[in-house]
Protein backbone atom coordinates (compact mmCIF):
# COMPACT_ATOMS: atom_id res chain seq x y z
CA UNK A 1 -1.86 108.99 -32.93
CA UNK A 2 -2.25 105.23 -32.87
CA UNK A 3 1.39 104.60 -33.86
CA UNK A 4 2.62 106.92 -31.10
CA UNK A 5 0.56 105.08 -28.51
CA UNK A 6 1.92 101.74 -29.68
CA UNK A 7 5.49 103.05 -29.52
CA UNK A 8 4.92 104.34 -26.00
CA UNK A 9 3.50 101.00 -24.90
CA UNK A 10 6.46 99.21 -26.45
CA UNK A 11 8.94 101.39 -24.58
CA UNK A 12 7.05 100.82 -21.32
CA UNK A 13 7.16 97.05 -21.86
CA UNK A 14 10.90 97.15 -22.59
CA UNK A 15 11.48 99.20 -19.42
CA UNK A 16 9.49 96.75 -17.32
CA UNK A 17 11.35 93.77 -18.84
CA UNK A 18 14.69 95.44 -18.15
CA UNK A 19 13.65 96.15 -14.54
CA UNK A 20 12.58 92.51 -14.06
CA UNK A 21 15.84 91.29 -15.55
CA UNK A 22 17.81 93.60 -13.24
CA UNK A 23 15.96 92.40 -10.14
CA UNK A 24 16.54 88.77 -11.13
CA UNK A 25 20.23 89.42 -11.66
CA UNK A 26 20.44 91.18 -8.28
CA UNK A 27 18.77 88.29 -6.44
CA UNK A 28 21.01 85.77 -8.18
CA UNK A 29 24.09 87.71 -7.27
CA UNK A 30 22.95 87.93 -3.65
CA UNK A 31 22.35 84.16 -3.55
CA UNK A 32 25.76 83.42 -5.08
CA UNK A 33 27.40 85.76 -2.57
CA UNK A 34 25.73 84.02 0.38
CA UNK A 35 26.72 80.62 -1.03
CA UNK A 36 30.30 81.76 -1.36
CA UNK A 37 30.27 83.11 2.19
CA UNK A 38 28.87 79.83 3.50
CA UNK A 39 31.50 77.84 1.61
CA UNK A 40 34.28 79.95 3.09
CA UNK A 41 33.04 79.48 6.69
CA UNK A 42 34.59 76.65 8.77
CA UNK A 43 32.50 73.63 9.87
CA UNK A 44 30.81 74.22 13.27
CA UNK A 45 32.43 72.42 16.17
CA UNK A 46 31.69 71.91 19.86
CA UNK A 47 34.17 72.00 22.72
CA UNK A 48 33.86 69.07 25.14
CA UNK A 49 35.83 66.95 27.58
CA UNK A 50 36.02 63.20 27.21
CA UNK A 51 36.42 60.24 29.52
CA UNK A 52 37.14 56.59 28.78
CA UNK A 53 34.82 53.79 29.78
CA UNK A 54 36.62 51.82 32.47
CA UNK A 55 36.04 48.51 34.22
CA UNK A 56 34.87 48.65 37.84
CA UNK A 57 33.99 45.91 40.31
CA UNK A 58 30.76 46.50 42.14
CA UNK A 59 27.96 44.69 43.95
CA UNK A 60 24.39 45.09 42.78
CA UNK A 61 22.23 46.58 45.52
CA UNK A 62 18.71 47.64 46.37
CA UNK A 63 17.68 50.58 48.53
CA UNK A 64 15.10 50.42 51.29
CA UNK A 65 13.72 52.98 53.73
CA UNK A 66 14.59 52.13 57.33
CA UNK A 67 13.60 53.44 60.74
CA UNK A 68 16.08 54.11 63.53
CA UNK A 69 15.27 52.52 66.89
CA UNK A 70 17.08 52.69 70.19
CA UNK A 71 18.48 49.44 71.55
CA UNK A 72 16.30 49.99 74.62
CA UNK A 73 13.12 52.00 74.32
CA UNK A 74 9.96 51.97 76.43
CA UNK A 75 6.68 53.83 76.64
CA UNK A 76 6.18 54.57 80.33
CA UNK A 77 2.69 53.89 81.75
CA UNK A 78 1.27 53.61 85.27
CA UNK A 79 -0.06 50.17 86.18
CA UNK A 80 -2.49 51.35 88.87
CA UNK A 81 -4.78 54.39 89.04
CA UNK A 82 -4.06 57.18 91.48
CA UNK A 83 -3.27 60.84 92.09
CA UNK A 84 0.20 62.15 91.20
CA UNK A 85 2.15 63.19 94.29
CA UNK A 86 5.60 63.69 92.70
CA UNK A 87 6.66 64.06 89.09
CA UNK A 88 10.21 64.38 87.70
CA UNK A 89 9.69 64.23 83.94
CA UNK A 90 11.71 67.01 82.32
CA UNK A 91 11.67 66.45 78.54
CA UNK A 92 15.12 65.90 77.09
CA UNK A 93 16.85 65.29 80.42
CA UNK A 94 18.96 62.21 81.04
CA UNK A 95 18.14 59.97 84.00
CA UNK A 96 20.06 57.09 85.52
CA UNK A 97 18.62 53.66 86.21
CA UNK A 98 16.46 53.70 89.36
CA UNK A 99 15.75 57.43 89.29
CA UNK A 100 12.28 58.34 90.63
CA UNK A 101 10.10 59.64 87.80
CA UNK A 102 6.49 59.60 89.04
CA UNK A 103 5.09 58.82 92.50
CA UNK A 104 1.35 58.34 93.04
CA UNK A 105 -0.35 58.98 96.37
CA UNK A 106 -0.02 55.91 98.65
CA UNK A 107 -1.33 57.20 101.99
CA UNK A 108 -4.15 54.63 102.04
CA UNK A 109 -1.78 51.80 101.14
CA UNK A 110 0.73 52.88 103.81
CA UNK A 111 -2.02 52.86 106.44
CA UNK A 112 -3.09 49.40 105.36
CA UNK A 113 0.52 48.30 105.50
CA UNK A 114 0.83 49.44 109.11
CA UNK A 115 -2.32 47.51 110.03
CA UNK A 116 -1.16 44.39 108.27
CA UNK A 117 2.26 44.60 109.88
CA UNK A 118 0.56 44.73 113.28
CA UNK A 119 -1.51 41.67 112.37
CA UNK A 120 1.59 39.87 111.21
CA UNK A 121 3.34 40.68 114.51
CA UNK A 122 0.35 39.39 116.46
CA UNK A 123 0.24 36.21 114.38
CA UNK A 124 3.96 35.69 115.06
CA UNK A 125 3.38 36.10 118.80
CA UNK A 126 0.43 33.68 118.86
CA UNK A 127 2.45 31.12 116.94
CA UNK A 128 5.16 31.28 119.57
CA UNK A 129 2.69 30.76 122.36
CA UNK A 130 1.07 27.77 120.65
CA UNK A 131 4.45 26.20 120.02
CA UNK A 132 5.36 26.54 123.74
CA UNK A 133 1.98 25.10 124.71
CA UNK A 134 2.63 22.15 122.44
CA UNK A 135 5.86 21.46 124.29
CA UNK A 136 3.87 21.35 127.60
CA UNK A 137 1.15 19.19 126.07
CA UNK A 138 -1.29 22.16 126.26
CA UNK A 139 -1.94 22.35 122.49
CA UNK A 140 -2.18 20.00 119.59
CA UNK A 141 -0.23 19.92 116.35
CA UNK A 142 -3.32 21.16 114.51
CA UNK A 143 -3.30 24.31 116.62
CA UNK A 144 0.35 24.92 115.69
CA UNK A 145 -0.35 24.45 111.97
CA UNK A 146 -3.30 26.83 112.14
CA UNK A 147 -1.16 29.46 113.88
CA UNK A 148 1.58 29.08 111.23
CA UNK A 149 -0.95 29.53 108.44
CA UNK A 150 -2.36 32.67 110.04
CA UNK A 151 1.18 34.05 110.41
CA UNK A 152 2.00 33.27 106.77
CA UNK A 153 -1.24 34.89 105.53
CA UNK A 154 -0.46 38.02 107.53
CA UNK A 155 3.07 38.21 106.08
CA UNK A 156 1.71 37.69 102.55
CA UNK A 157 -0.74 40.55 103.01
CA UNK A 158 2.12 42.76 104.13
CA UNK A 159 4.15 41.80 101.04
CA UNK A 160 1.16 42.43 98.76
CA UNK A 161 0.58 45.93 100.14
CA UNK A 162 4.28 46.74 99.79
CA UNK A 163 4.11 45.60 96.14
CA UNK A 164 1.13 47.90 95.51
CA UNK A 165 3.07 50.82 97.00
CA UNK A 166 6.07 49.92 94.83
CA UNK A 167 3.94 49.73 91.68
CA UNK A 168 2.67 53.26 92.38
CA UNK A 169 6.26 54.49 92.43
CA UNK A 170 7.61 54.59 88.84
CA UNK A 171 11.41 54.60 88.36
CA UNK A 172 13.67 54.63 85.31
CA UNK A 173 14.49 51.03 84.27
CA UNK A 174 17.78 52.03 82.61
CA UNK A 175 19.85 55.07 81.71
CA UNK A 176 17.77 56.97 79.20
CA UNK A 177 16.61 60.29 77.80
CA UNK A 178 13.10 61.43 78.73
CA UNK A 179 10.65 62.27 75.96
CA UNK A 180 7.72 64.70 75.94
CA UNK A 181 5.37 64.57 78.93
CA UNK A 182 2.17 66.23 80.16
CA UNK A 183 1.91 64.95 83.72
CA UNK A 184 1.53 67.29 86.70
CA UNK A 185 1.26 67.01 90.46
CA UNK A 186 -2.32 66.49 91.67
CA UNK A 187 -3.42 65.00 88.36
CA UNK A 188 -5.51 61.83 88.57
CA UNK A 189 -4.31 59.05 86.29
CA UNK A 190 -6.29 56.04 85.16
CA UNK A 191 -4.48 52.75 84.93
CA UNK A 192 -2.39 52.45 81.74
CA UNK A 193 -2.09 56.20 81.09
CA UNK A 194 0.90 57.04 78.87
CA UNK A 195 3.32 59.18 80.86
CA UNK A 196 6.32 59.60 78.54
CA UNK A 197 8.86 57.66 76.49
CA UNK A 198 12.36 56.63 77.48
CA UNK A 199 15.07 56.19 74.84
CA UNK A 200 18.19 54.33 75.90
CA UNK A 201 21.55 56.09 75.55
CA UNK A 202 23.57 53.22 74.10
CA UNK A 203 26.43 53.79 71.67
CA UNK A 204 24.62 51.81 68.96
CA UNK A 205 21.14 51.89 67.43
CA UNK A 206 18.97 49.45 65.53
CA UNK A 207 17.76 50.12 61.99
CA UNK A 208 14.63 48.23 60.92
CA UNK A 209 13.84 48.00 57.21
CA UNK A 210 11.82 45.81 54.84
CA UNK A 211 13.14 44.05 51.73
CA UNK A 212 11.58 41.89 49.06
CA UNK A 213 11.33 38.20 49.90
CA UNK A 214 13.83 37.39 47.14
CA UNK A 215 16.38 39.80 48.60
CA UNK A 216 15.74 38.51 52.11
CA UNK A 217 16.51 34.97 50.95
CA UNK A 218 19.97 36.08 49.83
CA UNK A 219 21.11 37.81 53.02
CA UNK A 220 22.08 36.37 56.39
CA UNK A 221 22.83 37.49 59.91
CA UNK A 222 26.27 39.06 60.06
CA UNK A 223 26.03 40.57 56.55
CA UNK A 224 26.80 44.26 56.10
CA UNK A 225 24.52 46.98 54.77
CA UNK A 226 25.12 50.69 54.21
CA UNK A 227 23.04 53.23 56.13
CA UNK A 228 22.67 56.68 54.50
CA UNK A 229 21.17 59.78 56.09
CA UNK A 230 22.11 63.29 55.00
CA UNK A 231 25.89 63.44 55.20
CA UNK A 232 26.13 60.22 57.23
CA UNK A 233 27.23 57.00 55.54
CA UNK A 234 28.10 54.05 57.75
CA UNK A 235 28.22 50.28 57.73
CA UNK A 236 25.70 48.33 59.81
CA UNK A 237 25.56 44.62 60.61
CA UNK A 238 22.40 42.55 60.19
CA UNK A 239 21.46 41.03 63.56
CA UNK A 240 18.00 39.60 62.87
CA UNK A 241 15.70 38.61 60.00
CA UNK A 242 11.99 38.14 60.56
CA UNK A 243 10.88 34.51 60.50
CA UNK A 244 7.87 35.24 58.28
CA UNK A 245 7.04 37.10 55.07
CA UNK A 246 4.24 39.65 55.20
CA UNK A 247 1.29 38.28 53.21
CA UNK A 248 0.17 41.71 52.00
CA UNK A 249 3.51 43.14 50.82
CA UNK A 250 5.60 39.95 50.38
CA UNK A 251 8.38 41.71 52.27
CA UNK A 252 10.46 40.56 55.20
CA UNK A 253 11.61 42.78 58.04
CA UNK A 254 15.32 42.97 58.73
CA UNK A 255 17.11 44.53 61.70
CA UNK A 256 20.65 45.87 61.50
CA UNK A 257 22.86 47.21 64.28
CA UNK A 258 24.72 50.46 63.66
CA UNK A 259 27.60 51.15 66.04
CA UNK A 260 28.85 54.63 66.91
CA UNK A 261 25.59 56.39 66.03
CA UNK A 262 24.88 57.85 69.48
CA UNK A 263 23.83 61.49 69.13
CA UNK A 264 23.84 61.33 65.31
CA UNK A 265 20.60 59.50 64.55
CA UNK A 266 17.54 59.99 66.73
CA UNK A 267 15.13 57.09 67.35
CA UNK A 268 12.30 57.19 64.84
CA UNK A 269 14.37 58.93 62.16
CA UNK A 270 14.09 57.78 58.55
CA UNK A 271 17.23 56.54 56.78
CA UNK A 272 18.08 54.89 53.49
CA UNK A 273 19.55 51.40 53.65
CA UNK A 274 21.57 50.03 50.73
CA UNK A 275 21.41 46.24 50.72
CA UNK A 276 23.91 44.30 48.55
CA UNK A 277 22.53 41.63 46.22
CA UNK A 278 24.70 38.76 45.03
CA UNK A 279 28.47 38.53 44.58
CA UNK A 280 30.77 41.30 43.26
CA UNK A 281 30.88 41.59 39.47
CA UNK A 282 32.79 43.60 36.87
CA UNK A 283 31.01 46.35 34.95
CA UNK A 284 31.71 49.32 32.67
CA UNK A 285 31.35 52.76 34.23
CA UNK A 286 31.45 56.31 32.83
CA UNK A 287 30.95 59.77 34.37
CA UNK A 288 27.33 60.65 35.11
CA UNK A 289 27.65 63.77 32.92
CA UNK A 290 28.23 61.55 29.89
CA UNK A 291 24.86 59.80 30.09
CA UNK A 292 22.06 61.50 28.17
CA UNK A 293 18.34 60.68 28.18
CA UNK A 294 15.95 61.19 25.29
CA UNK A 295 12.70 59.93 23.77
CA UNK A 296 14.50 56.86 22.42
CA UNK A 297 16.03 56.03 25.81
CA UNK A 298 19.45 56.37 27.37
CA UNK A 299 22.39 57.13 25.09
CA UNK A 300 25.94 58.46 25.07
CA UNK A 301 28.09 60.26 22.50
CA UNK A 302 31.11 58.20 21.54
CA UNK A 303 34.02 60.25 20.14
CA UNK A 304 35.72 58.61 17.14
CA UNK A 305 38.01 59.80 14.32
CA UNK A 306 36.53 60.17 10.82
CA UNK A 307 38.45 59.18 7.64
CA UNK A 308 40.08 62.65 7.65
CA UNK A 309 41.33 62.08 11.21
CA UNK A 310 38.92 64.58 12.78
CA UNK A 311 37.13 63.69 16.03
CA UNK A 312 33.36 63.43 15.69
CA UNK A 313 30.58 62.54 18.12
CA UNK A 314 28.26 59.63 17.34
CA UNK A 315 25.12 58.63 19.23
CA UNK A 316 25.19 55.16 20.79
CA UNK A 317 22.19 53.71 22.70
CA UNK A 318 23.08 52.17 26.07
CA UNK A 319 21.42 50.52 29.04
CA UNK A 320 22.25 52.35 32.28
CA UNK A 321 22.45 50.68 35.68
CA UNK A 322 23.19 51.78 39.22
CA UNK A 323 24.80 55.06 40.24
CA UNK A 324 28.18 54.76 41.95
CA UNK A 325 28.98 58.21 43.29
CA UNK A 326 29.90 60.40 40.28
CA UNK A 327 29.84 57.46 37.87
CA UNK A 328 27.09 55.32 36.39
CA UNK A 329 27.18 51.64 35.44
CA UNK A 330 26.57 50.89 31.75
CA UNK A 331 25.15 47.39 31.46
CA UNK A 332 24.99 47.23 27.65
CA UNK A 333 26.23 49.34 24.73
CA UNK A 334 29.80 50.23 25.72
CA UNK A 335 33.09 48.40 25.97
CA UNK A 336 36.09 49.14 28.13
CA UNK A 337 38.23 51.76 26.39
CA UNK A 338 35.45 53.51 24.45
CA UNK A 339 35.84 57.30 24.71
CA UNK A 340 32.64 59.17 25.52
CA UNK A 341 31.81 62.86 25.74
CA UNK A 342 31.53 63.99 29.36
CA UNK A 343 31.25 67.73 30.05
CA UNK A 344 29.44 69.47 27.19
CA UNK A 345 27.67 66.35 25.93
CA UNK A 346 24.30 68.11 26.22
CA UNK A 347 25.05 70.28 23.15
CA UNK A 348 26.13 67.49 20.79
CA UNK A 349 24.31 65.92 17.86
CA UNK A 350 25.05 63.03 15.53
CA UNK A 351 28.27 63.47 13.53
CA UNK A 352 29.18 66.91 14.88
CA UNK A 353 32.83 67.89 14.84
CA UNK A 354 34.24 68.20 18.37
CA UNK A 355 37.27 69.73 19.99
CA UNK A 356 38.52 67.91 23.09
CA UNK A 357 39.47 70.39 25.79
CA UNK A 358 41.71 69.56 28.72
CA UNK A 359 40.14 69.63 32.18
CA UNK A 360 39.58 73.23 33.29
CA UNK A 361 40.28 75.05 30.00
CA UNK A 362 39.43 75.42 26.28
CA UNK A 363 41.89 74.34 23.56
CA UNK A 364 43.72 76.82 21.37
CA UNK A 365 42.12 75.24 18.32
CA UNK A 366 38.75 76.45 19.47
CA UNK A 367 39.95 80.06 19.55
CA UNK A 368 41.47 79.64 16.05
CA UNK A 369 38.23 78.26 14.71
CA UNK A 370 36.30 81.17 16.16
CA UNK A 371 38.74 83.65 14.56
CA UNK A 372 38.43 81.95 11.18
CA UNK A 373 34.66 82.00 11.46
CA UNK A 374 34.67 85.74 12.18
CA UNK A 375 37.00 86.40 9.24
CA UNK A 376 34.75 84.34 6.97
CA UNK A 377 31.73 86.34 8.05
CA UNK A 378 33.53 89.63 7.37
CA UNK A 379 34.59 88.44 3.92
CA UNK A 380 31.05 87.40 3.08
CA UNK A 381 29.74 90.77 4.22
CA UNK A 382 32.25 92.61 2.01
CA UNK A 383 31.39 90.48 -1.01
CA UNK A 384 27.70 91.08 -0.44
CA UNK A 385 28.22 94.83 -0.28
CA UNK A 386 30.21 94.87 -3.53
CA UNK A 387 27.62 92.79 -5.32
CA UNK A 388 24.82 95.03 -4.13
CA UNK A 389 26.68 98.12 -5.31
CA UNK A 390 27.21 96.66 -8.78
CA UNK A 391 23.62 95.60 -9.08
CA UNK A 392 22.50 99.07 -7.97
CA UNK A 393 24.52 100.64 -10.79
CA UNK A 394 22.96 98.24 -13.32
CA UNK A 395 19.46 99.09 -12.18
CA UNK A 396 20.24 102.84 -12.43
CA UNK A 397 21.43 102.39 -16.05
CA UNK A 398 18.25 100.49 -16.90
CA UNK A 399 16.04 103.17 -15.44
CA UNK A 400 17.99 105.92 -17.26
CA UNK A 401 17.51 104.13 -20.59
CA UNK A 402 13.82 103.83 -19.94
CA UNK A 403 13.53 107.54 -19.37
C-alpha cells in the first residue's frame, strides 16, 4: 500500500513538472513571436511640412494702449443759471457752427436792456445839449466831461446786459456731433451744469498713448506709429510729446494724428499703438506653427538627415522675439537656411523619423509605410496563432501522458 502511494505521488509530480514545462515553453514561444513581429514592423514616422529659416529686416517695437480723441471736442456747460426756454439737443445729430442749442429765459435781462437803452439815449441827448451850451458860454468843460462819462456808463451798461443775454444763449462753436443729453424745456439749470458733449467731425483724429521714458527719448515729432483696432491698421504721425515724465509711472504721454479715420474710430475708443524702437535690423524668422513651448522654454524641431540619409527631427532650444504676422523672430538658436518642422511639429519628439509632405497633401511614402505596417501586424498575428496552436498540442500530449 505504501509503494502504491509513492508511485502515485511520483506520477503526480511528473505530471505537474510536465505542465509547468509546457506553460514555460508556451510563454517563451509567445514572447519570441511578439519579438519577431516587432522586428518586422517598420520604424514609426510622422508626416510634417517644413520651412526654412529666412532673414528678414524688421524694426523692434513696443505696444501701448491708446485712446482716440477728436481734434475738437468740448463738454458743453451753461455759464449762468436760468430756466431753459429752448433746447435743440438731439443725441447723434450733426450741427453746424453757430446753431442754437440751448436758450435760457432772458425776459428780465431784455427788460433791463430796454431801460438801459433809454438811459443811454437820454445821456446822449444831455451830452448834446451841454456841448451846445459850451459853445454859447453857458456851460463849462467840466460839465461836458461829466455828460460824456454818464453817456459812456450808460452805453457800457447796455453792452453788459447784451453780453448776459448772449451768454444765456448757447450755440455750437464748430461743426460737430451731439452726444447724450438730459435737458428739457422749463428745467432750471445751475451755473456750470453739464448739458452735453460735442465731438468735431474732422477727417482726422488724435490718438493719445503713454510710453516708457526710454522709448519716449528715442522718438520725435514727425515719426510714424501703427494704430491697430479690430480690422483697422493705419499709420499715424506723432504731433506732440509731453514735456514731462509722470513721476508715478515714469511714462511720457505722446499724441499722434491719424488721417482718414472719420467714421471708423469713435472718440474715446481704445486702440493698440505699435511704436518702433531703434533702427531696422536683420533677424531670422520662421512660421509661428514651428515654434513650440515646453517646461524647458521655447524650442523648435530642426529636420536633418541621419547617416543613413533619412530625415529626422531634433529638438533645438531657441529664444523667440516679436511676432510679425504669421512669422516669429528667432533671436538666438537658429541660422539662416536651417529647416524646421512647421505644420505637424506638435506631434514630434527627439530623433523621430519624419516624412516631409508637400503643402496641402500627404506623400506617397506615408501611405506605403502604413501599408507595410499593416502587413507586418498581420504577419505577426499569423505567427502568434501558429505558435499557440503548436503549444496547445504539446500541452494536450502532456496531459494525456499524465492520465
